[in-house]
Amino acid sequence: MKTLNVLLVAATEAEAAVFTKAAVPGAGRNTPFGQDDSPERNGFSGQDGISQQGDFPGRSDFPERERDDFPGGDGISDGYVMGNLNLSILVTGIGSTATAWALTRRLCTGPRPDLVINAGIAGSFRDSLKTGDVVIPVSDCFADEGVESAEGFLTLSEAGLQDPDKHPFTKGRINTFSSAAGIYYSDTGDQSSGAGDQQPSPFFGKKTVVPDSFFKLASGTIRSVNAVTVSTVTGSLETAGRLMRKYDPDIETMEGAAFFYVCSREAVPFIALRAVSNRVGIRDRGSWNIPLALENLTLVLENLLKKLC
C-alpha cells in the first residue's frame, strides 16, 4: 500500500491537539516528512495567537496528564506514522492572513503532501446544527472582503473588482468536492458524477493518490455545509442577519476560505472538518462549548484517518 503524506492544518495549538490525539493511538514518531512543521519553525507559536485572541483555549485548557502524553510533551509534533500515513502538523495562527502565509510557505518549501486536512471550530447559523456537531465545508467565501456603497455592502465581484468565475472561484465561492452533486475525485483525477450540477475539480484534473473511497466516506457520513470566512467574529444579530441574507451560510470561520484558496491554487487535494462550538449571533461565551466541539472533532478525524490507512 502506498504511503500517503498528509498535512494537518490548524489555526491554534488547541485545534492542533485534535490531530495529535487522533494520531497517537498506535502511532510512532516520524521526522522526514514533517520535520519543518513545528510552530516555532513556521514562525508562529500558536499560543501567542491564542492569548491575543482570547477566544480559543490554549494548552492550559488541557489536563497536564494529557499534554504529557503527547510526543514531544507540548501538544505539537514534527510528524507521526499511522499505518501507511505520514502525518505532519502545521499550526498557522488565527485568521486568513496567517493561514494563507503559513500554508503557502509550507507547500512551496516543504515536501508536497498528498492530502491536506484542515480542522477547527466554527459558529453555526442553523438551528439544525447543534453545538458539538461535526461538518464538512464544501463551499466557502471571503464574506467581508468587498466595498461599502450607497446600496450597501458589495463583494469584490459585485463591485467589478474580481472575476467571480476565475479559478479558484465559481460564482464568487471556492468549492471542494460536492457531495450534493455526487462528484468525487478518483485516483486518476477523473470525476464520477451523480445527479445535480457538477462543480469544477479543485485538483486541476491532476493525478492524486488519495483514494476515491476517502472522499465518498467523508461526504457520506458527515454533513456537508456552506461556510463563510470573516475577519471579525460575528457578535450581533444584525451582523448575523446580514450574512444570512447575503450568503445563506451554515457556518462561520476565520480561516476556511484562505485554506480553500491556497490548496486550490496549489492544486493539492484537500478537505476541511469543522465542529460547532457556538451559535452565531449575540456574543455569549457562556453558551459556547469548545471542549465538546474538539472532543467530537477528534473522534471524527480519527475515524477518517483510519479509513486512509
C-alpha atoms as a PDB file:
ATOM      1  CA  MET A   1       0.000   0.000   0.000  1.00  0.00           C
ATOM      2  CA  LYS A   2       1.360   3.394  -0.998  1.00  0.00           C
ATOM      3  CA  THR A   3       2.494   5.742   1.734  1.00  0.00           C
ATOM      4  CA  LEU A   4       0.425   8.931   1.871  1.00  0.00           C
ATOM      5  CA  ASN A   5       1.882  12.204   3.099  1.00  0.00           C
ATOM      6  CA  VAL A   6      -0.892  14.033   4.929  1.00  0.00           C
ATOM      7  CA  LEU A   7      -0.513  17.619   6.134  1.00  0.00           C
ATOM      8  CA  LEU A   8      -2.807  18.505   9.040  1.00  0.00           C
ATOM      9  CA  VAL A   9      -3.528  22.227   9.377  1.00  0.00           C
ATOM     10  CA  ALA A  10      -4.957  24.054  12.394  1.00  0.00           C
ATOM     11  CA  ALA A  11      -5.065  27.676  13.484  1.00  0.00           C
ATOM     12  CA  THR A  12      -4.277  27.122  17.169  1.00  0.00           C
ATOM     13  CA  GLU A  13      -2.476  24.648  19.383  1.00  0.00           C
ATOM     14  CA  ALA A  14      -5.792  23.574  20.921  1.00  0.00           C
ATOM     15  CA  GLU A  15      -7.145  22.670  17.498  1.00  0.00           C
ATOM     16  CA  ALA A  16      -3.847  21.045  16.514  1.00  0.00           C
ATOM     17  CA  ALA A  17      -4.161  18.838  19.595  1.00  0.00           C
ATOM     18  CA  VAL A  18      -7.141  17.249  17.841  1.00  0.00           C
ATOM     19  CA  PHE A  19      -4.744  15.918  15.215  1.00  0.00           C
ATOM     20  CA  THR A  20      -2.303  14.729  17.844  1.00  0.00           C
ATOM     21  CA  LYS A  21      -4.950  12.870  19.827  1.00  0.00           C
ATOM     22  CA  ALA A  22      -6.351  11.270  16.682  1.00  0.00           C
ATOM     23  CA  ALA A  23      -2.911  10.141  15.553  1.00  0.00           C
ATOM     24  CA  VAL A  24      -1.472   8.952  18.868  1.00  0.00           C
ATOM     25  CA  PRO A  25      -3.189   5.504  19.072  1.00  0.00           C
ATOM     26  CA  GLY A  26      -0.700   3.092  17.525  1.00  0.00           C
ATOM     27  CA  ALA A  27       1.379   5.935  16.115  1.00  0.00           C
ATOM     28  CA  GLY A  28       5.153   6.254  16.093  1.00  0.00           C
ATOM     29  CA  ARG A  29       7.355   9.285  15.666  1.00  0.00           C
ATOM     30  CA  ASN A  30       8.358  10.303  12.154  1.00  0.00           C
ATOM     31  CA  THR A  31      10.699  13.078  11.112  1.00  0.00           C
ATOM     32  CA  PRO A  32      11.427  13.185   7.359  1.00  0.00           C
ATOM     33  CA  PHE A  33       8.075  14.469   6.092  1.00  0.00           C
ATOM     34  CA  GLY A  34       7.128  16.882   8.833  1.00  0.00           C
ATOM     35  CA  GLN A  35      10.373  17.974  10.350  1.00  0.00           C
ATOM     36  CA  ASP A  36       9.883  21.649   9.468  1.00  0.00           C
ATOM     37  CA  ASP A  37       6.254  21.995  10.528  1.00  0.00           C
ATOM     38  CA  SER A  38       6.581  22.837  14.210  1.00  0.00           C
ATOM     39  CA  PRO A  39       5.039  26.202  15.132  1.00  0.00           C
ATOM     40  CA  GLU A  40       8.419  27.568  16.147  1.00  0.00           C
ATOM     41  CA  ARG A  41       9.841  26.816  12.689  1.00  0.00           C
ATOM     42  CA  ASN A  42       6.912  28.181  10.710  1.00  0.00           C
ATOM     43  CA  GLY A  43       7.017  31.480  12.545  1.00  0.00           C
ATOM     44  CA  PHE A  44       4.022  31.048  14.865  1.00  0.00           C
ATOM     45  CA  SER A  45       3.909  29.917  18.448  1.00  0.00           C
ATOM     46  CA  GLY A  46       0.180  29.241  18.255  1.00  0.00           C
ATOM     47  CA  GLN A  47      -0.061  30.031  21.962  1.00  0.00           C
ATOM     48  CA  ASP A  48       0.730  33.674  21.255  1.00  0.00           C
ATOM     49  CA  GLY A  49      -2.159  33.905  18.838  1.00  0.00           C
ATOM     50  CA  ILE A  50      -4.489  32.280  21.351  1.00  0.00           C
ATOM     51  CA  SER A  51      -3.559  34.605  24.179  1.00  0.00           C
ATOM     52  CA  GLN A  52      -4.045  37.658  21.979  1.00  0.00           C
ATOM     53  CA  GLN A  53      -7.362  36.456  20.602  1.00  0.00           C
ATOM     54  CA  GLY A  54      -8.789  35.300  23.888  1.00  0.00           C
ATOM     55  CA  ASP A  55     -11.492  33.185  22.238  1.00  0.00           C
ATOM     56  CA  PHE A  56      -9.686  29.890  21.895  1.00  0.00           C
ATOM     57  CA  PRO A  57      -8.388  27.589  24.619  1.00  0.00           C
ATOM     58  CA  GLY A  58      -4.637  27.328  24.969  1.00  0.00           C
ATOM     59  CA  ARG A  59      -2.584  24.447  26.262  1.00  0.00           C
ATOM     60  CA  SER A  60      -3.671  25.240  29.824  1.00  0.00           C
ATOM     61  CA  ASP A  61      -7.198  24.071  28.955  1.00  0.00           C
ATOM     62  CA  PHE A  62      -5.954  20.508  28.529  1.00  0.00           C
ATOM     63  CA  PRO A  63      -5.119  18.418  31.618  1.00  0.00           C
ATOM     64  CA  GLU A  64      -1.426  18.182  32.395  1.00  0.00           C
ATOM     65  CA  ARG A  65      -1.551  14.400  32.057  1.00  0.00           C
ATOM     66  CA  GLU A  66      -2.961  14.630  28.529  1.00  0.00           C
ATOM     67  CA  ARG A  67      -0.378  17.179  27.481  1.00  0.00           C
ATOM     68  CA  ASP A  68       2.418  14.977  28.811  1.00  0.00           C
ATOM     69  CA  ASP A  69       1.031  12.101  26.742  1.00  0.00           C
ATOM     70  CA  PHE A  70       1.724  13.954  23.508  1.00  0.00           C
ATOM     71  CA  PRO A  71       5.029  13.042  21.877  1.00  0.00           C
ATOM     72  CA  GLY A  72       7.305  15.998  22.489  1.00  0.00           C
ATOM     73  CA  GLY A  73       5.290  16.990  25.564  1.00  0.00           C
ATOM     74  CA  ASP A  74       3.890  20.241  24.206  1.00  0.00           C
ATOM     75  CA  GLY A  75       0.922  19.130  22.092  1.00  0.00           C
ATOM     76  CA  ILE A  76       2.661  19.763  18.776  1.00  0.00           C
ATOM     77  CA  SER A  77       4.530  17.112  16.808  1.00  0.00           C
ATOM     78  CA  ASP A  78       7.022  17.259  13.986  1.00  0.00           C
ATOM     79  CA  GLY A  79       5.394  14.161  12.488  1.00  0.00           C
ATOM     80  CA  TYR A  80       3.776  10.779  13.071  1.00  0.00           C
ATOM     81  CA  VAL A  81       3.440   7.475  11.300  1.00  0.00           C
ATOM     82  CA  MET A  82      -0.057   5.965  11.386  1.00  0.00           C
ATOM     83  CA  GLY A  83      -0.283   2.845   9.264  1.00  0.00           C
ATOM     84  CA  ASN A  84       0.679   3.930   5.756  1.00  0.00           C
ATOM     85  CA  LEU A  85       0.196   7.611   6.627  1.00  0.00           C
ATOM     86  CA  ASN A  86       2.962  10.119   7.251  1.00  0.00           C
ATOM     87  CA  LEU A  87       1.197  12.793   9.283  1.00  0.00           C
ATOM     88  CA  SER A  88       2.588  16.282   9.721  1.00  0.00           C
ATOM     89  CA  ILE A  89       1.018  19.116  11.721  1.00  0.00           C
ATOM     90  CA  LEU A  90       1.101  22.804  10.820  1.00  0.00           C
ATOM     91  CA  VAL A  91      -0.144  25.471  13.247  1.00  0.00           C
ATOM     92  CA  THR A  92      -0.784  28.621  11.229  1.00  0.00           C
ATOM     93  CA  GLY A  93      -2.103  31.188  13.665  1.00  0.00           C
ATOM     94  CA  ILE A  94      -5.596  32.684  13.697  1.00  0.00           C
ATOM     95  CA  GLY A  95      -7.196  34.316  10.665  1.00  0.00           C
ATOM     96  CA  SER A  96      -6.951  34.259   6.884  1.00  0.00           C
ATOM     97  CA  THR A  97      -3.691  36.172   6.580  1.00  0.00           C
ATOM     98  CA  ALA A  98      -1.795  33.916   8.970  1.00  0.00           C
ATOM     99  CA  THR A  99      -3.299  30.802   7.397  1.00  0.00           C
ATOM    100  CA  ALA A 100      -2.529  31.856   3.828  1.00  0.00           C
ATOM    101  CA  TRP A 101       1.070  32.781   4.645  1.00  0.00           C
ATOM    102  CA  ALA A 102       1.929  29.716   6.706  1.00  0.00           C
ATOM    103  CA  LEU A 103       0.240  27.214   4.386  1.00  0.00           C
ATOM    104  CA  THR A 104       1.678  28.749   1.216  1.00  0.00           C
ATOM    105  CA  ARG A 105       5.154  28.781   2.725  1.00  0.00           C
ATOM    106  CA  ARG A 106       4.798  25.144   3.763  1.00  0.00           C
ATOM    107  CA  LEU A 107       3.537  23.974   0.358  1.00  0.00           C
ATOM    108  CA  CYS A 108       6.218  25.902  -1.503  1.00  0.00           C
ATOM    109  CA  THR A 109       9.197  24.971   0.661  1.00  0.00           C
ATOM    110  CA  GLY A 110       8.422  21.592   2.221  1.00  0.00           C
ATOM    111  CA  PRO A 111       7.705  18.129   0.824  1.00  0.00           C
ATOM    112  CA  ARG A 112       4.479  18.179  -1.178  1.00  0.00           C
ATOM    113  CA  PRO A 113       1.606  16.474   0.680  1.00  0.00           C
ATOM    114  CA  ASP A 114      -0.792  14.052  -0.988  1.00  0.00           C
ATOM    115  CA  LEU A 115      -3.653  15.443   1.081  1.00  0.00           C
ATOM    116  CA  VAL A 116      -4.177  18.486   3.302  1.00  0.00           C
ATOM    117  CA  ILE A 117      -6.735  18.359   6.106  1.00  0.00           C
ATOM    118  CA  ASN A 118      -7.907  21.459   7.962  1.00  0.00           C
ATOM    119  CA  ALA A 119      -9.742  21.090  11.260  1.00  0.00           C
ATOM    120  CA  GLY A 120     -11.091  23.542  13.789  1.00  0.00           C
ATOM    121  CA  ILE A 121     -14.148  25.036  15.417  1.00  0.00           C
ATOM    122  CA  ALA A 122     -16.927  27.083  13.857  1.00  0.00           C
ATOM    123  CA  GLY A 123     -20.029  29.079  14.672  1.00  0.00           C
ATOM    124  CA  SER A 124     -23.399  27.836  13.427  1.00  0.00           C
ATOM    125  CA  PHE A 125     -26.113  29.877  11.722  1.00  0.00           C
ATOM    126  CA  ARG A 126     -28.620  26.995  11.772  1.00  0.00           C
ATOM    127  CA  ASP A 127     -30.883  25.608  14.482  1.00  0.00           C
ATOM    128  CA  SER A 128     -30.302  22.203  12.911  1.00  0.00           C
ATOM    129  CA  LEU A 129     -26.559  22.448  13.589  1.00  0.00           C
ATOM    130  CA  LYS A 130     -26.064  21.898  17.293  1.00  0.00           C
ATOM    131  CA  THR A 131     -23.048  22.547  19.447  1.00  0.00           C
ATOM    132  CA  GLY A 132     -20.661  19.631  19.021  1.00  0.00           C
ATOM    133  CA  ASP A 133     -21.852  18.699  15.527  1.00  0.00           C
ATOM    134  CA  VAL A 134     -19.026  17.985  13.066  1.00  0.00           C
ATOM    135  CA  VAL A 135     -19.435  19.094   9.452  1.00  0.00           C
ATOM    136  CA  ILE A 136     -17.527  19.267   6.172  1.00  0.00           C
ATOM    137  CA  PRO A 137     -17.470  22.697   4.493  1.00  0.00           C
ATOM    138  CA  VAL A 138     -17.711  22.105   0.743  1.00  0.00           C
ATOM    139  CA  SER A 139     -18.019  25.768  -0.263  1.00  0.00           C
ATOM    140  CA  ASP A 140     -16.542  28.916   1.263  1.00  0.00           C
ATOM    141  CA  CYS A 141     -16.006  32.603   0.532  1.00  0.00           C
ATOM    142  CA  PHE A 142     -14.341  35.707   1.925  1.00  0.00           C
ATOM    143  CA  ALA A 143     -17.549  37.205   3.285  1.00  0.00           C
ATOM    144  CA  ASP A 144     -16.280  40.595   4.433  1.00  0.00           C
ATOM    145  CA  GLU A 145     -13.916  41.407   1.563  1.00  0.00           C
ATOM    146  CA  GLY A 146     -15.636  44.000  -0.572  1.00  0.00           C
ATOM    147  CA  VAL A 147     -16.805  47.579  -0.932  1.00  0.00           C
ATOM    148  CA  GLU A 148     -19.278  49.695   1.010  1.00  0.00           C
ATOM    149  CA  SER A 149     -21.611  51.624  -1.265  1.00  0.00           C
ATOM    150  CA  ALA A 150     -24.833  53.599  -1.156  1.00  0.00           C
ATOM    151  CA  GLU A 151     -26.626  50.345  -1.981  1.00  0.00           C
ATOM    152  CA  GLY A 152     -24.907  48.531   0.880  1.00  0.00           C
ATOM    153  CA  PHE A 153     -22.059  46.037   1.004  1.00  0.00           C
ATOM    154  CA  LEU A 154     -20.805  44.708  -2.328  1.00  0.00           C
ATOM    155  CA  THR A 155     -18.484  41.744  -2.754  1.00  0.00           C
ATOM    156  CA  LEU A 156     -15.360  42.260  -4.828  1.00  0.00           C
ATOM    157  CA  SER A 157     -17.020  40.563  -7.791  1.00  0.00           C
ATOM    158  CA  GLU A 158     -20.222  42.584  -7.384  1.00  0.00           C
ATOM    159  CA  ALA A 159     -18.101  45.743  -7.373  1.00  0.00           C
ATOM    160  CA  GLY A 160     -16.422  44.660 -10.603  1.00  0.00           C
ATOM    161  CA  LEU A 161     -13.038  44.213  -8.965  1.00  0.00           C
ATOM    162  CA  GLN A 162     -12.801  40.433  -9.268  1.00  0.00           C
ATOM    163  CA  ASP A 163     -13.962  37.843 -11.776  1.00  0.00           C
ATOM    164  CA  PRO A 164     -16.438  35.652  -9.840  1.00  0.00           C
ATOM    165  CA  ASP A 165     -15.611  32.656 -12.036  1.00  0.00           C
ATOM    166  CA  LYS A 166     -11.845  32.931 -12.306  1.00  0.00           C
ATOM    167  CA  HIS A 167     -10.095  29.986 -10.696  1.00  0.00           C
ATOM    168  CA  PRO A 168     -10.389  29.082  -7.910  1.00  0.00           C
ATOM    169  CA  PHE A 169     -13.757  30.845  -7.691  1.00  0.00           C
ATOM    170  CA  THR A 170     -17.109  29.679  -9.031  1.00  0.00           C
ATOM    171  CA  LYS A 171     -19.821  32.306  -8.693  1.00  0.00           C
ATOM    172  CA  GLY A 172     -17.673  34.030  -6.103  1.00  0.00           C
ATOM    173  CA  ARG A 173     -17.172  30.925  -3.973  1.00  0.00           C
ATOM    174  CA  ILE A 174     -14.454  28.289  -3.664  1.00  0.00           C
ATOM    175  CA  ASN A 175     -15.639  24.699  -3.766  1.00  0.00           C
ATOM    176  CA  THR A 176     -14.167  21.398  -2.744  1.00  0.00           C
ATOM    177  CA  PHE A 177     -15.769  18.085  -3.734  1.00  0.00           C
ATOM    178  CA  SER A 178     -19.568  18.287  -3.975  1.00  0.00           C
ATOM    179  CA  SER A 179     -21.406  15.608  -2.022  1.00  0.00           C
ATOM    180  CA  ALA A 180     -24.743  17.039  -3.090  1.00  0.00           C
ATOM    181  CA  ALA A 181     -23.807  16.612  -6.739  1.00  0.00           C
ATOM    182  CA  GLY A 182     -22.295  13.200  -6.112  1.00  0.00           C
ATOM    183  CA  ILE A 183     -18.955  14.246  -7.570  1.00  0.00           C
ATOM    184  CA  TYR A 184     -15.762  12.791  -6.202  1.00  0.00           C
ATOM    185  CA  TYR A 185     -12.175  12.783  -7.348  1.00  0.00           C
ATOM    186  CA  SER A 186     -10.665   9.403  -8.048  1.00  0.00           C
ATOM    187  CA  ASP A 187      -7.051   8.329  -8.010  1.00  0.00           C
ATOM    188  CA  THR A 188      -6.930   9.013 -11.747  1.00  0.00           C
ATOM    189  CA  GLY A 189      -8.131  12.571 -11.305  1.00  0.00           C
ATOM    190  CA  ASP A 190     -11.427  11.764 -13.051  1.00  0.00           C
ATOM    191  CA  GLN A 191     -14.876  12.683 -11.784  1.00  0.00           C
ATOM    192  CA  SER A 192     -17.685  10.228 -11.210  1.00  0.00           C
ATOM    193  CA  SER A 193     -20.933  12.128 -11.094  1.00  0.00           C
ATOM    194  CA  GLY A 194     -24.470  11.547  -9.994  1.00  0.00           C
ATOM    195  CA  ALA A 195     -27.479  13.811 -10.082  1.00  0.00           C
ATOM    196  CA  GLY A 196     -27.098  17.543  -9.694  1.00  0.00           C
ATOM    197  CA  ASP A 197     -24.849  20.264 -11.032  1.00  0.00           C
ATOM    198  CA  GLN A 198     -21.195  19.417 -11.409  1.00  0.00           C
ATOM    199  CA  GLN A 199     -18.638  21.640  -9.744  1.00  0.00           C
ATOM    200  CA  PRO A 200     -15.106  22.103 -11.071  1.00  0.00           C
ATOM    201  CA  SER A 201     -12.395  19.923  -9.609  1.00  0.00           C
ATOM    202  CA  PRO A 202     -10.075  21.835  -7.279  1.00  0.00           C
ATOM    203  CA  PHE A 203      -7.313  19.440  -8.331  1.00  0.00           C
ATOM    204  CA  PHE A 204      -6.979  20.720 -11.938  1.00  0.00           C
ATOM    205  CA  GLY A 205      -7.557  17.131 -13.069  1.00  0.00           C
ATOM    206  CA  LYS A 206      -4.135  16.140 -11.775  1.00  0.00           C
ATOM    207  CA  LYS A 207      -3.496  12.623 -10.594  1.00  0.00           C
ATOM    208  CA  THR A 208      -3.966  12.179  -6.867  1.00  0.00           C
ATOM    209  CA  VAL A 209      -3.078   9.120  -4.826  1.00  0.00           C
ATOM    210  CA  VAL A 210      -5.850   9.823  -2.319  1.00  0.00           C
ATOM    211  CA  PRO A 211      -8.375   7.005  -2.732  1.00  0.00           C
ATOM    212  CA  ASP A 212     -11.807   7.923  -4.029  1.00  0.00           C
ATOM    213  CA  SER A 213     -13.340   5.985  -1.151  1.00  0.00           C
ATOM    214  CA  PHE A 214     -11.992   8.545   1.320  1.00  0.00           C
ATOM    215  CA  PHE A 215     -13.989  11.412  -0.168  1.00  0.00           C
ATOM    216  CA  LYS A 216     -17.052   9.193  -0.575  1.00  0.00           C
ATOM    217  CA  LEU A 217     -16.820   8.146   3.047  1.00  0.00           C
ATOM    218  CA  ALA A 218     -16.402  11.710   4.233  1.00  0.00           C
ATOM    219  CA  SER A 219     -19.370  13.066   2.306  1.00  0.00           C
ATOM    220  CA  GLY A 220     -21.490  10.017   3.051  1.00  0.00           C
ATOM    221  CA  THR A 221     -21.071  10.097   6.815  1.00  0.00           C
ATOM    222  CA  ILE A 222     -20.554  13.767   7.667  1.00  0.00           C
ATOM    223  CA  ARG A 223     -22.942  16.613   6.895  1.00  0.00           C
ATOM    224  CA  SER A 224     -21.776  18.908   4.093  1.00  0.00           C
ATOM    225  CA  VAL A 225     -22.242  22.652   4.640  1.00  0.00           C
ATOM    226  CA  ASN A 226     -21.610  26.033   3.061  1.00  0.00           C
ATOM    227  CA  ALA A 227     -19.319  28.350   5.000  1.00  0.00           C
ATOM    228  CA  VAL A 228     -18.349  31.991   5.205  1.00  0.00           C
ATOM    229  CA  THR A 229     -14.970  33.249   6.334  1.00  0.00           C
ATOM    230  CA  VAL A 230     -14.773  36.526   8.247  1.00  0.00           C
ATOM    231  CA  SER A 231     -12.031  38.671   9.721  1.00  0.00           C
ATOM    232  CA  THR A 232     -14.175  39.659  12.712  1.00  0.00           C
ATOM    233  CA  VAL A 233     -16.133  37.046  14.661  1.00  0.00           C
ATOM    234  CA  THR A 234     -19.827  37.896  14.422  1.00  0.00           C
ATOM    235  CA  GLY A 235     -21.199  39.173  17.727  1.00  0.00           C
ATOM    236  CA  SER A 236     -24.625  40.626  16.950  1.00  0.00           C
ATOM    237  CA  LEU A 237     -27.938  39.520  15.483  1.00  0.00           C
ATOM    238  CA  GLU A 238     -27.698  42.393  12.995  1.00  0.00           C
ATOM    239  CA  THR A 239     -24.434  41.133  11.515  1.00  0.00           C
ATOM    240  CA  ALA A 240     -25.603  37.526  11.609  1.00  0.00           C
ATOM    241  CA  GLY A 241     -28.763  38.513   9.737  1.00  0.00           C
ATOM    242  CA  ARG A 242     -26.806  40.429   7.120  1.00  0.00           C
ATOM    243  CA  LEU A 243     -24.550  37.445   6.467  1.00  0.00           C
ATOM    244  CA  MET A 244     -27.546  35.121   6.261  1.00  0.00           C
ATOM    245  CA  ARG A 245     -29.315  37.336   3.735  1.00  0.00           C
ATOM    246  CA  LYS A 246     -26.172  37.795   1.667  1.00  0.00           C
ATOM    247  CA  TYR A 247     -24.685  34.289   1.657  1.00  0.00           C
ATOM    248  CA  ASP A 248     -27.169  31.868   3.278  1.00  0.00           C
ATOM    249  CA  PRO A 249     -24.307  30.127   5.128  1.00  0.00           C
ATOM    250  CA  ASP A 250     -24.379  27.236   7.557  1.00  0.00           C
ATOM    251  CA  ILE A 251     -21.204  28.051   9.490  1.00  0.00           C
ATOM    252  CA  GLU A 252     -18.694  30.845  10.077  1.00  0.00           C
ATOM    253  CA  THR A 253     -14.923  30.547  10.498  1.00  0.00           C
ATOM    254  CA  MET A 254     -11.905  32.841  10.375  1.00  0.00           C
ATOM    255  CA  GLU A 255      -9.646  30.717   8.158  1.00  0.00           C
ATOM    256  CA  GLY A 256     -11.675  28.409   5.915  1.00  0.00           C
ATOM    257  CA  ALA A 257     -11.708  30.361   2.658  1.00  0.00           C
ATOM    258  CA  ALA A 258      -7.973  31.063   2.901  1.00  0.00           C
ATOM    259  CA  PHE A 259      -7.334  27.342   3.324  1.00  0.00           C
ATOM    260  CA  PHE A 260      -9.561  26.551   0.319  1.00  0.00           C
ATOM    261  CA  TYR A 261      -7.894  29.275  -1.756  1.00  0.00           C
ATOM    262  CA  VAL A 262      -4.303  28.196  -1.164  1.00  0.00           C
ATOM    263  CA  CYS A 263      -4.980  24.482  -1.663  1.00  0.00           C
ATOM    264  CA  SER A 264      -6.969  25.142  -4.836  1.00  0.00           C
ATOM    265  CA  ARG A 265      -4.314  27.428  -6.299  1.00  0.00           C
ATOM    266  CA  GLU A 266      -1.586  24.918  -5.444  1.00  0.00           C
ATOM    267  CA  ALA A 267      -3.679  22.049  -6.872  1.00  0.00           C
ATOM    268  CA  VAL A 268      -3.326  19.873  -3.796  1.00  0.00           C
ATOM    269  CA  PRO A 269      -6.224  17.642  -2.646  1.00  0.00           C
ATOM    270  CA  PHE A 270      -7.836  18.995   0.496  1.00  0.00           C
ATOM    271  CA  ILE A 271     -10.695  18.533   2.903  1.00  0.00           C
ATOM    272  CA  ALA A 272     -11.885  20.547   5.898  1.00  0.00           C
ATOM    273  CA  LEU A 273     -13.601  19.456   9.088  1.00  0.00           C
ATOM    274  CA  ARG A 274     -15.290  21.854  11.482  1.00  0.00           C
ATOM    275  CA  ALA A 275     -17.016  21.258  14.810  1.00  0.00           C
ATOM    276  CA  VAL A 276     -19.683  23.671  16.024  1.00  0.00           C
ATOM    277  CA  SER A 277     -18.641  25.429  19.225  1.00  0.00           C
ATOM    278  CA  ASN A 278     -21.283  28.152  19.358  1.00  0.00           C
ATOM    279  CA  ARG A 279     -24.257  29.800  17.697  1.00  0.00           C
ATOM    280  CA  VAL A 280     -23.525  32.828  15.513  1.00  0.00           C
ATOM    281  CA  GLY A 281     -25.266  35.934  16.846  1.00  0.00           C
ATOM    282  CA  ILE A 282     -25.246  37.722  20.187  1.00  0.00           C
ATOM    283  CA  ARG A 283     -21.918  37.036  21.821  1.00  0.00           C
ATOM    284  CA  ASP A 284     -22.457  34.817  24.857  1.00  0.00           C
ATOM    285  CA  ARG A 285     -19.320  32.922  25.821  1.00  0.00           C
ATOM    286  CA  GLY A 286     -21.272  31.068  28.482  1.00  0.00           C
ATOM    287  CA  SER A 287     -23.154  29.202  25.759  1.00  0.00           C
ATOM    288  CA  TRP A 288     -20.003  28.115  23.920  1.00  0.00           C
ATOM    289  CA  ASN A 289     -18.696  24.583  24.354  1.00  0.00           C
ATOM    290  CA  ILE A 290     -15.259  24.370  22.785  1.00  0.00           C
ATOM    291  CA  PRO A 291     -14.183  21.228  24.690  1.00  0.00           C
ATOM    292  CA  LEU A 292     -17.186  19.290  23.334  1.00  0.00           C
ATOM    293  CA  ALA A 293     -16.519  20.538  19.806  1.00  0.00           C
ATOM    294  CA  LEU A 294     -12.868  19.494  19.951  1.00  0.00           C
ATOM    295  CA  GLU A 295     -13.702  16.123  21.504  1.00  0.00           C
ATOM    296  CA  ASN A 296     -16.180  15.272  18.743  1.00  0.00           C
ATOM    297  CA  LEU A 297     -13.805  16.587  16.099  1.00  0.00           C
ATOM    298  CA  THR A 298     -11.113  14.227  17.375  1.00  0.00           C
ATOM    299  CA  LEU A 299     -13.406  11.198  17.093  1.00  0.00           C
ATOM    300  CA  VAL A 300     -14.471  12.017  13.532  1.00  0.00           C
ATOM    301  CA  LEU A 301     -10.931  12.752  12.386  1.00  0.00           C
ATOM    302  CA  GLU A 302      -9.588   9.549  13.915  1.00  0.00           C
ATOM    303  CA  ASN A 303     -12.228   7.547  12.044  1.00  0.00           C
ATOM    304  CA  LEU A 304     -11.379   9.207   8.725  1.00  0.00           C
ATOM    305  CA  LEU A 305      -7.642   8.713   9.172  1.00  0.00           C
ATOM    306  CA  LYS A 306      -8.196   5.021   9.893  1.00  0.00           C
ATOM    307  CA  LYS A 307     -10.055   4.730   6.585  1.00  0.00           C
ATOM    308  CA  LEU A 308      -6.997   6.102   4.811  1.00  0.00           C
ATOM    309  CA  CYS A 309      -4.582   3.689   6.499  1.00  0.00           C
END
